[in-house]
N, C-alpha and C. Protein backbone atom coordinates (compact mmCIF):
# COMPACT_ATOMS: atom_id res chain seq x y z
N MET A 1 90.30 75.05 -19.92
CA MET A 1 89.26 75.90 -20.50
C MET A 1 88.50 75.31 -21.48
N LEU A 2 87.14 75.13 -20.85
CA LEU A 2 86.28 74.60 -21.98
C LEU A 2 86.26 75.13 -23.26
N ASN A 3 85.79 74.92 -24.45
CA ASN A 3 85.45 75.25 -25.80
C ASN A 3 83.78 75.19 -26.22
N LEU A 4 82.75 75.15 -24.44
CA LEU A 4 81.77 75.24 -24.50
C LEU A 4 81.11 76.10 -25.64
N GLU A 5 81.17 77.50 -25.68
CA GLU A 5 80.93 78.36 -26.59
C GLU A 5 80.77 78.07 -27.68
N LYS A 6 81.91 77.75 -28.36
CA LYS A 6 82.80 77.72 -29.34
C LYS A 6 82.21 76.66 -30.06
N ALA A 7 82.19 75.23 -29.30
CA ALA A 7 81.43 74.10 -30.02
C ALA A 7 79.60 74.11 -30.00
N LEU A 8 79.65 74.70 -29.04
CA LEU A 8 77.75 74.97 -29.29
C LEU A 8 77.55 75.90 -30.66
N ALA A 9 78.55 76.85 -30.77
CA ALA A 9 78.30 78.05 -31.91
C ALA A 9 78.44 76.79 -33.19
N LYS A 10 79.13 76.17 -33.40
CA LYS A 10 79.26 75.15 -34.29
C LYS A 10 78.41 74.77 -34.80
N TYR A 11 77.26 74.45 -33.84
CA TYR A 11 76.23 73.55 -34.47
C TYR A 11 75.02 74.36 -34.10
N GLY A 12 74.97 75.50 -33.63
CA GLY A 12 73.68 76.24 -33.67
C GLY A 12 73.07 76.36 -32.47
N LEU A 13 73.74 75.65 -31.36
CA LEU A 13 73.10 75.31 -30.07
C LEU A 13 73.52 76.18 -28.84
N THR A 14 72.48 76.15 -28.07
CA THR A 14 72.90 77.14 -26.52
C THR A 14 72.69 76.06 -25.63
N MET A 15 73.08 75.97 -24.28
CA MET A 15 73.20 75.19 -23.27
C MET A 15 71.82 75.65 -22.95
N PRO A 16 70.58 74.44 -22.58
CA PRO A 16 69.73 74.65 -21.88
C PRO A 16 69.74 74.67 -20.64
N ASN A 17 68.41 74.54 -20.00
CA ASN A 17 68.22 74.67 -18.62
C ASN A 17 67.99 73.27 -18.42
N PRO A 18 68.33 72.64 -16.98
CA PRO A 18 68.42 71.28 -16.79
C PRO A 18 66.97 70.67 -16.86
N PRO A 19 66.99 69.55 -17.68
CA PRO A 19 65.35 69.01 -18.09
C PRO A 19 65.14 69.07 -16.72
N ALA A 20 63.41 68.68 -16.91
CA ALA A 20 62.52 68.16 -15.35
C ALA A 20 62.92 66.95 -15.21
N ARG A 21 62.62 66.25 -14.30
CA ARG A 21 63.31 64.96 -14.11
C ARG A 21 61.39 64.07 -14.38
N GLY A 22 61.82 62.98 -14.88
CA GLY A 22 60.75 62.04 -15.68
C GLY A 22 60.10 61.09 -14.56
N GLY A 23 60.54 60.85 -13.74
CA GLY A 23 60.26 59.97 -12.58
C GLY A 23 61.09 60.03 -11.46
N ILE A 24 61.11 58.72 -10.87
CA ILE A 24 61.64 58.53 -9.44
C ILE A 24 62.84 58.24 -9.45
N TYR A 25 64.20 58.67 -9.60
CA TYR A 25 65.65 58.67 -10.09
C TYR A 25 66.43 60.05 -9.69
N GLU A 26 67.75 59.76 -9.69
CA GLU A 26 68.20 61.19 -9.60
C GLU A 26 69.12 61.30 -10.93
N PRO A 27 69.16 62.56 -11.81
CA PRO A 27 69.58 62.93 -12.68
C PRO A 27 71.21 62.51 -12.68
N VAL A 28 71.67 62.96 -11.84
CA VAL A 28 73.37 63.09 -11.55
C VAL A 28 73.65 62.20 -9.99
N LYS A 29 74.28 60.89 -9.93
CA LYS A 29 74.55 60.41 -8.89
C LYS A 29 75.88 60.25 -8.73
N GLU A 30 76.84 60.62 -7.71
CA GLU A 30 77.83 60.46 -7.59
C GLU A 30 78.32 58.98 -6.83
N PHE A 31 79.15 58.74 -7.26
CA PHE A 31 79.75 57.21 -6.79
C PHE A 31 81.26 57.34 -6.72
N GLY A 32 81.89 56.03 -5.80
CA GLY A 32 82.78 56.22 -5.47
C GLY A 32 83.74 58.08 -5.67
N ASP A 33 84.93 57.71 -5.67
CA ASP A 33 85.86 59.32 -5.88
C ASP A 33 85.34 59.93 -6.98
N ASN A 34 84.72 60.89 -6.88
CA ASN A 34 84.68 61.98 -8.32
C ASN A 34 83.90 61.23 -9.05
N LEU A 35 83.00 60.27 -9.24
CA LEU A 35 82.99 59.56 -10.40
C LEU A 35 81.04 60.29 -10.40
N TYR A 36 80.79 60.27 -11.48
CA TYR A 36 79.41 60.49 -11.50
C TYR A 36 78.56 59.56 -13.01
N TYR A 37 77.49 58.98 -12.01
CA TYR A 37 76.48 58.73 -13.22
C TYR A 37 75.47 59.25 -13.71
N LEU A 38 75.45 59.86 -15.03
CA LEU A 38 74.18 60.50 -15.55
C LEU A 38 73.43 59.82 -15.85
N SER A 39 71.90 60.22 -15.26
CA SER A 39 70.85 59.33 -16.16
C SER A 39 70.36 59.64 -17.20
N GLY A 40 70.03 58.52 -17.92
CA GLY A 40 69.65 59.23 -19.80
C GLY A 40 68.65 60.16 -19.52
N CYS A 41 68.82 60.88 -20.68
CA CYS A 41 68.30 62.16 -21.30
C CYS A 41 68.07 61.78 -22.70
N GLY A 42 66.81 62.77 -23.35
CA GLY A 42 66.12 62.76 -24.43
C GLY A 42 66.79 63.80 -25.15
N PRO A 43 66.14 64.22 -26.13
CA PRO A 43 66.35 65.21 -26.98
C PRO A 43 65.48 66.47 -26.59
N ALA A 44 64.90 66.47 -25.51
CA ALA A 44 64.14 67.93 -25.61
C ALA A 44 64.89 68.94 -25.25
N PHE A 45 64.84 69.91 -25.84
CA PHE A 45 65.36 71.37 -25.55
C PHE A 45 64.67 72.27 -24.31
N ASN A 46 64.72 72.71 -22.95
CA ASN A 46 63.96 73.77 -22.55
C ASN A 46 62.75 73.39 -22.36
N GLY A 47 62.30 72.09 -22.05
CA GLY A 47 61.08 71.02 -21.98
C GLY A 47 60.47 71.10 -23.42
N GLU A 48 60.68 71.33 -24.62
CA GLU A 48 60.36 71.33 -26.12
C GLU A 48 60.76 69.88 -26.59
N GLN A 49 59.85 69.28 -26.87
CA GLN A 49 60.00 67.98 -27.38
C GLN A 49 60.64 68.08 -28.67
N ARG A 50 61.61 68.38 -29.47
CA ARG A 50 62.24 68.22 -30.81
C ARG A 50 62.28 67.64 -31.75
N PHE A 51 61.73 66.01 -31.25
CA PHE A 51 61.80 64.65 -31.95
C PHE A 51 60.72 63.94 -31.34
N SER A 52 60.07 63.38 -32.21
CA SER A 52 59.12 62.19 -31.86
C SER A 52 59.17 61.04 -33.44
N GLY A 53 59.73 60.18 -32.97
CA GLY A 53 59.69 59.12 -34.02
C GLY A 53 60.75 58.10 -34.04
N LYS A 54 61.22 57.41 -35.05
CA LYS A 54 62.06 56.67 -34.83
C LYS A 54 63.05 57.19 -35.97
N LEU A 55 64.45 56.48 -36.17
CA LEU A 55 65.45 56.84 -36.92
C LEU A 55 64.96 55.70 -38.29
N GLY A 56 65.34 56.25 -39.32
CA GLY A 56 64.98 55.66 -40.68
C GLY A 56 63.49 55.39 -40.97
N ALA A 57 62.81 55.75 -40.00
CA ALA A 57 61.57 56.33 -40.76
C ALA A 57 60.42 57.12 -39.49
N PRO A 58 60.62 58.44 -39.28
CA PRO A 58 60.94 59.33 -40.47
C PRO A 58 62.41 59.99 -40.42
N PHE A 59 63.44 59.69 -39.38
CA PHE A 59 64.29 60.68 -39.08
C PHE A 59 65.41 59.94 -39.73
N THR A 60 66.47 60.77 -40.73
CA THR A 60 67.59 60.77 -41.27
C THR A 60 69.08 60.31 -39.81
N VAL A 61 69.58 60.16 -40.30
CA VAL A 61 71.01 59.78 -39.45
C VAL A 61 71.61 60.98 -39.00
N GLU A 62 71.46 62.18 -39.90
CA GLU A 62 71.82 63.40 -39.62
C GLU A 62 70.68 63.71 -38.54
N GLN A 63 69.68 63.74 -38.78
CA GLN A 63 68.63 64.33 -37.48
C GLN A 63 68.89 63.57 -36.30
N GLY A 64 69.14 62.24 -36.78
CA GLY A 64 69.82 61.51 -35.58
C GLY A 64 71.00 62.11 -34.88
N GLN A 65 71.75 62.41 -35.29
CA GLN A 65 72.83 62.72 -34.81
C GLN A 65 72.91 64.68 -33.87
N GLU A 66 71.55 65.08 -34.40
CA GLU A 66 71.19 66.19 -34.06
C GLU A 66 70.56 66.02 -32.75
N ALA A 67 69.50 65.29 -32.53
CA ALA A 67 68.90 64.65 -31.26
C ALA A 67 70.01 64.10 -30.41
N ALA A 68 71.02 63.46 -30.55
CA ALA A 68 72.04 63.23 -30.06
C ALA A 68 72.75 64.34 -29.46
N ARG A 69 72.86 65.10 -29.85
CA ARG A 69 73.69 66.43 -29.84
C ARG A 69 72.58 67.06 -28.06
N TYR A 70 71.28 67.21 -28.59
CA TYR A 70 70.56 67.67 -27.87
C TYR A 70 70.50 66.58 -26.56
N CYS A 71 70.42 65.34 -26.62
CA CYS A 71 70.50 64.94 -25.34
C CYS A 71 72.23 64.88 -24.35
N VAL A 72 72.95 65.09 -25.34
CA VAL A 72 74.45 65.34 -24.69
C VAL A 72 74.32 66.65 -23.51
N LEU A 73 74.00 67.77 -24.32
CA LEU A 73 73.52 69.34 -24.05
C LEU A 73 72.23 69.13 -22.84
N ASN A 74 71.91 68.47 -22.65
CA ASN A 74 70.89 68.42 -21.37
C ASN A 74 71.72 67.30 -20.13
N LEU A 75 72.28 66.71 -20.62
CA LEU A 75 73.33 65.86 -19.45
C LEU A 75 74.46 66.67 -19.12
N LEU A 76 74.87 67.47 -20.17
CA LEU A 76 76.08 68.55 -19.30
C LEU A 76 75.06 69.19 -18.25
N ALA A 77 73.95 69.88 -18.69
CA ALA A 77 73.20 70.87 -18.10
C ALA A 77 72.78 70.59 -16.68
N ASN A 78 72.24 68.96 -16.78
CA ASN A 78 72.16 68.12 -15.29
C ASN A 78 73.68 68.27 -14.55
N LEU A 79 74.49 67.83 -14.97
CA LEU A 79 75.95 68.07 -14.81
C LEU A 79 76.00 68.99 -13.88
N GLU A 80 76.05 70.41 -15.08
CA GLU A 80 76.73 71.56 -14.30
C GLU A 80 75.87 72.03 -13.10
N ALA A 81 74.47 71.34 -13.10
CA ALA A 81 73.52 71.53 -11.85
C ALA A 81 74.22 70.86 -10.52
N ALA A 82 74.77 69.93 -10.97
CA ALA A 82 75.10 69.12 -9.49
C ALA A 82 76.60 69.50 -9.33
N ILE A 83 77.61 69.41 -10.20
CA ILE A 83 79.04 70.01 -9.50
C ILE A 83 79.17 71.54 -9.95
N GLY A 84 78.45 72.28 -10.47
CA GLY A 84 78.75 73.93 -10.77
C GLY A 84 79.60 74.29 -11.51
N ASP A 85 80.40 73.47 -12.45
CA ASP A 85 81.41 74.20 -13.07
C ASP A 85 81.79 72.70 -13.81
N LEU A 86 81.42 72.84 -15.23
CA LEU A 86 82.12 71.79 -15.80
C LEU A 86 83.61 71.91 -16.11
N ASP A 87 84.16 72.75 -16.10
CA ASP A 87 85.54 72.83 -15.73
C ASP A 87 86.30 71.59 -15.05
N LYS A 88 85.41 71.41 -14.13
CA LYS A 88 85.68 70.44 -13.08
C LYS A 88 85.87 68.85 -14.13
N VAL A 89 85.49 68.70 -15.03
CA VAL A 89 85.15 67.63 -15.65
C VAL A 89 86.56 66.86 -16.05
N LYS A 90 87.18 66.26 -15.69
CA LYS A 90 88.38 65.33 -15.80
C LYS A 90 88.40 64.69 -17.28
N ARG A 91 87.50 63.71 -17.40
CA ARG A 91 87.09 63.01 -18.39
C ARG A 91 85.69 62.77 -18.17
N ILE A 92 85.31 62.13 -19.59
CA ILE A 92 83.94 61.75 -19.94
C ILE A 92 84.50 60.23 -20.14
N VAL A 93 84.02 59.32 -19.51
CA VAL A 93 84.33 57.76 -18.98
C VAL A 93 83.67 56.96 -20.24
N LYS A 94 82.25 57.04 -20.15
CA LYS A 94 81.35 56.50 -21.16
C LYS A 94 80.17 56.93 -21.28
N MET A 95 80.07 56.59 -22.54
CA MET A 95 78.46 56.94 -23.32
C MET A 95 77.92 55.88 -23.91
N LEU A 96 76.46 55.42 -23.10
CA LEU A 96 75.59 54.78 -23.73
C LEU A 96 74.44 55.40 -24.18
N CYS A 97 74.28 55.18 -25.56
CA CYS A 97 73.19 55.65 -26.61
C CYS A 97 72.36 54.43 -27.13
N PHE A 98 71.36 55.05 -26.97
CA PHE A 98 70.12 54.12 -27.35
C PHE A 98 69.56 54.98 -28.43
N VAL A 99 69.14 53.96 -29.18
CA VAL A 99 68.55 54.60 -30.62
C VAL A 99 67.05 53.93 -31.15
N ALA A 100 66.22 54.40 -31.26
CA ALA A 100 64.84 53.90 -31.89
C ALA A 100 64.88 53.82 -32.99
N GLY A 101 64.78 52.80 -33.74
CA GLY A 101 64.92 53.05 -35.23
C GLY A 101 63.93 51.82 -35.79
N ALA A 102 64.11 52.26 -37.13
CA ALA A 102 63.10 51.37 -37.69
C ALA A 102 63.39 50.11 -38.17
N ASP A 103 62.70 48.80 -38.18
CA ASP A 103 63.41 47.58 -38.16
C ASP A 103 64.56 47.32 -39.23
N THR A 104 64.76 48.14 -39.98
CA THR A 104 65.76 48.05 -40.93
C THR A 104 66.79 49.02 -40.66
N PHE A 105 66.93 49.70 -39.73
CA PHE A 105 68.19 50.69 -39.17
C PHE A 105 68.76 50.22 -38.58
N TYR A 106 70.46 50.56 -39.05
CA TYR A 106 71.28 49.80 -38.52
C TYR A 106 72.68 50.81 -38.30
N ASP A 107 72.33 51.95 -38.21
CA ASP A 107 73.63 53.02 -38.32
C ASP A 107 73.20 53.80 -36.61
N GLN A 108 73.03 53.07 -35.34
CA GLN A 108 72.97 53.25 -34.31
C GLN A 108 74.52 54.03 -34.02
N PRO A 109 75.66 53.55 -34.43
CA PRO A 109 77.06 53.70 -34.09
C PRO A 109 76.99 55.57 -34.77
N GLN A 110 76.67 55.91 -35.75
CA GLN A 110 76.59 56.82 -36.83
C GLN A 110 75.77 58.17 -35.92
N VAL A 111 74.83 57.66 -35.21
CA VAL A 111 73.98 58.60 -34.91
C VAL A 111 74.44 58.99 -33.68
N ALA A 112 74.90 58.24 -32.68
CA ALA A 112 75.60 58.53 -31.35
C ALA A 112 76.94 59.12 -31.48
N ASN A 113 77.26 59.09 -33.08
CA ASN A 113 78.53 60.09 -33.28
C ASN A 113 78.38 61.70 -32.74
N GLY A 114 77.05 61.85 -33.07
CA GLY A 114 76.60 63.43 -32.95
C GLY A 114 76.86 63.53 -31.53
N GLY A 115 76.51 63.10 -30.56
CA GLY A 115 76.65 63.14 -29.19
C GLY A 115 78.22 63.40 -29.04
N SER A 116 79.05 62.18 -29.45
CA SER A 116 80.64 61.86 -29.22
C SER A 116 81.16 63.13 -29.87
N GLN A 117 80.81 63.54 -31.24
CA GLN A 117 81.51 64.80 -31.47
C GLN A 117 81.43 66.14 -31.14
N LEU A 118 80.26 65.91 -30.29
CA LEU A 118 80.03 67.43 -29.62
C LEU A 118 80.54 67.37 -28.25
N LEU A 119 80.95 66.04 -27.53
CA LEU A 119 81.73 65.70 -25.86
C LEU A 119 83.25 66.48 -26.52
N VAL A 120 83.62 65.59 -27.92
CA VAL A 120 84.98 65.86 -28.20
C VAL A 120 85.50 67.63 -28.29
N ASP A 121 84.13 68.14 -29.04
CA ASP A 121 84.55 69.83 -29.12
C ASP A 121 84.53 70.50 -28.09
N ILE A 122 83.56 69.77 -27.05
CA ILE A 122 83.72 70.57 -25.78
C ILE A 122 84.83 70.58 -25.02
N PHE A 123 85.21 69.19 -24.86
CA PHE A 123 86.37 68.74 -23.86
C PHE A 123 87.63 68.37 -24.07
N GLY A 124 87.97 68.58 -25.61
CA GLY A 124 88.83 68.02 -26.62
C GLY A 124 89.03 66.47 -26.46
N GLU A 125 90.28 65.88 -27.25
CA GLU A 125 90.45 64.84 -27.56
C GLU A 125 90.36 63.89 -25.98
N ASP A 126 91.41 64.42 -25.05
CA ASP A 126 91.90 63.44 -24.08
C ASP A 126 90.62 63.27 -22.77
N ARG A 127 90.25 64.41 -23.04
CA ARG A 127 88.68 64.61 -21.81
C ARG A 127 87.42 64.09 -22.43
N GLY A 128 86.90 64.59 -23.40
CA GLY A 128 86.06 64.18 -24.30
C GLY A 128 85.73 62.67 -25.19
N ARG A 129 86.77 62.22 -25.87
CA ARG A 129 86.39 60.56 -26.32
C ARG A 129 86.30 59.91 -25.54
N CYS A 130 85.22 59.42 -25.39
CA CYS A 130 85.08 58.13 -24.40
C CYS A 130 84.84 57.03 -25.04
N ALA A 131 85.12 55.75 -24.15
CA ALA A 131 84.32 54.49 -24.38
C ALA A 131 82.94 54.69 -24.86
N ARG A 132 82.12 53.85 -25.29
CA ARG A 132 81.19 53.86 -25.66
C ARG A 132 80.03 53.00 -26.53
N SER A 133 78.93 52.64 -26.19
CA SER A 133 77.95 51.69 -26.79
C SER A 133 76.84 52.30 -27.54
N ALA A 134 76.49 51.81 -28.51
CA ALA A 134 75.50 52.54 -29.52
C ALA A 134 74.26 51.15 -29.32
N VAL A 135 73.22 51.04 -29.08
CA VAL A 135 72.39 50.03 -29.38
C VAL A 135 70.90 50.27 -29.58
N GLY A 136 70.44 49.62 -30.50
CA GLY A 136 69.21 50.06 -31.15
C GLY A 136 68.01 49.26 -30.03
N MET A 137 66.55 50.32 -30.43
CA MET A 137 65.81 49.84 -29.53
C MET A 137 64.53 49.99 -30.13
N ASN A 138 63.69 49.35 -29.85
CA ASN A 138 62.25 49.16 -30.45
C ASN A 138 61.42 50.71 -30.10
N ALA A 139 61.97 50.91 -29.30
CA ALA A 139 60.76 51.72 -28.88
C ALA A 139 61.61 52.84 -27.63
N LEU A 140 61.64 53.76 -27.69
CA LEU A 140 62.15 54.86 -25.96
C LEU A 140 60.62 55.21 -25.42
N PRO A 141 61.17 55.79 -24.56
CA PRO A 141 60.03 56.46 -23.49
C PRO A 141 59.62 57.95 -24.43
N GLY A 142 57.91 58.09 -24.55
CA GLY A 142 57.69 59.43 -25.38
C GLY A 142 57.78 59.27 -26.91
N ASN A 143 58.23 57.85 -27.38
CA ASN A 143 58.49 57.88 -28.52
C ASN A 143 59.81 58.82 -29.36
N ILE A 144 60.90 58.78 -28.34
CA ILE A 144 62.06 60.05 -28.40
C ILE A 144 62.45 58.95 -29.51
N PRO A 145 63.44 59.61 -30.40
CA PRO A 145 64.42 58.48 -31.34
C PRO A 145 65.66 58.21 -30.50
N VAL A 146 65.92 59.03 -29.63
CA VAL A 146 67.82 59.15 -29.03
C VAL A 146 67.60 59.05 -27.78
N GLU A 147 68.03 58.53 -26.70
CA GLU A 147 68.36 58.69 -25.23
C GLU A 147 70.10 58.18 -24.85
N ILE A 148 70.80 59.43 -24.29
CA ILE A 148 71.77 59.32 -23.63
C ILE A 148 72.15 58.93 -22.23
N GLU A 149 72.91 58.19 -21.92
CA GLU A 149 73.40 58.22 -20.29
C GLU A 149 75.24 58.66 -20.09
N LEU A 150 75.54 59.06 -19.54
CA LEU A 150 77.05 59.01 -19.46
C LEU A 150 77.64 58.60 -18.08
N LEU A 151 78.91 58.13 -17.84
CA LEU A 151 79.46 58.55 -17.15
C LEU A 151 80.96 59.17 -17.02
N VAL A 152 81.03 60.00 -15.82
CA VAL A 152 81.89 61.34 -15.82
C VAL A 152 82.81 61.36 -14.82
N GLU A 153 84.17 61.65 -15.08
CA GLU A 153 84.91 61.67 -13.93
C GLU A 153 85.16 63.22 -13.85
N THR A 154 85.25 63.52 -12.17
CA THR A 154 85.77 65.02 -11.96
C THR A 154 86.92 65.34 -11.56
N GLU A 155 87.69 66.38 -11.22
CA GLU A 155 88.92 66.56 -10.51
C GLU A 155 88.46 66.63 -9.28
N LYS A 156 89.25 65.97 -8.38
CA LYS A 156 89.35 66.43 -7.04
C LYS A 156 88.97 67.81 -6.38
């Protein structure tokens, strides 16, 4: 059973509605046997953009971690809408975290830790700890500081 409510309460968060699509794509696409690619999500919450700008100027690593948590919540809202129940998640396979930062910002992995930790808190070490990349970007859509995408495996 998931620790969703407990994990969200730890960070003062609640589960959002699935975010509106921002283009011509699918938020969640199944491939192979019970594998899902989750299109990148930013840190809006129920349509309200909570962050605009870059890490290092004006945002701190801690604020970036908060933004990463919101990204993960949006991804999970999309996944839940697609599969019906997050208890079906067998494991989070991979996270790709894009971080828009000032030219002298080099802490992309620490920002990604915000999302990674939330996944571990929700799904546990075995299911939630995933392979991961965290990369720096000059800019992200809508001037958001963080965007995350996931690969997820579900139970049959």
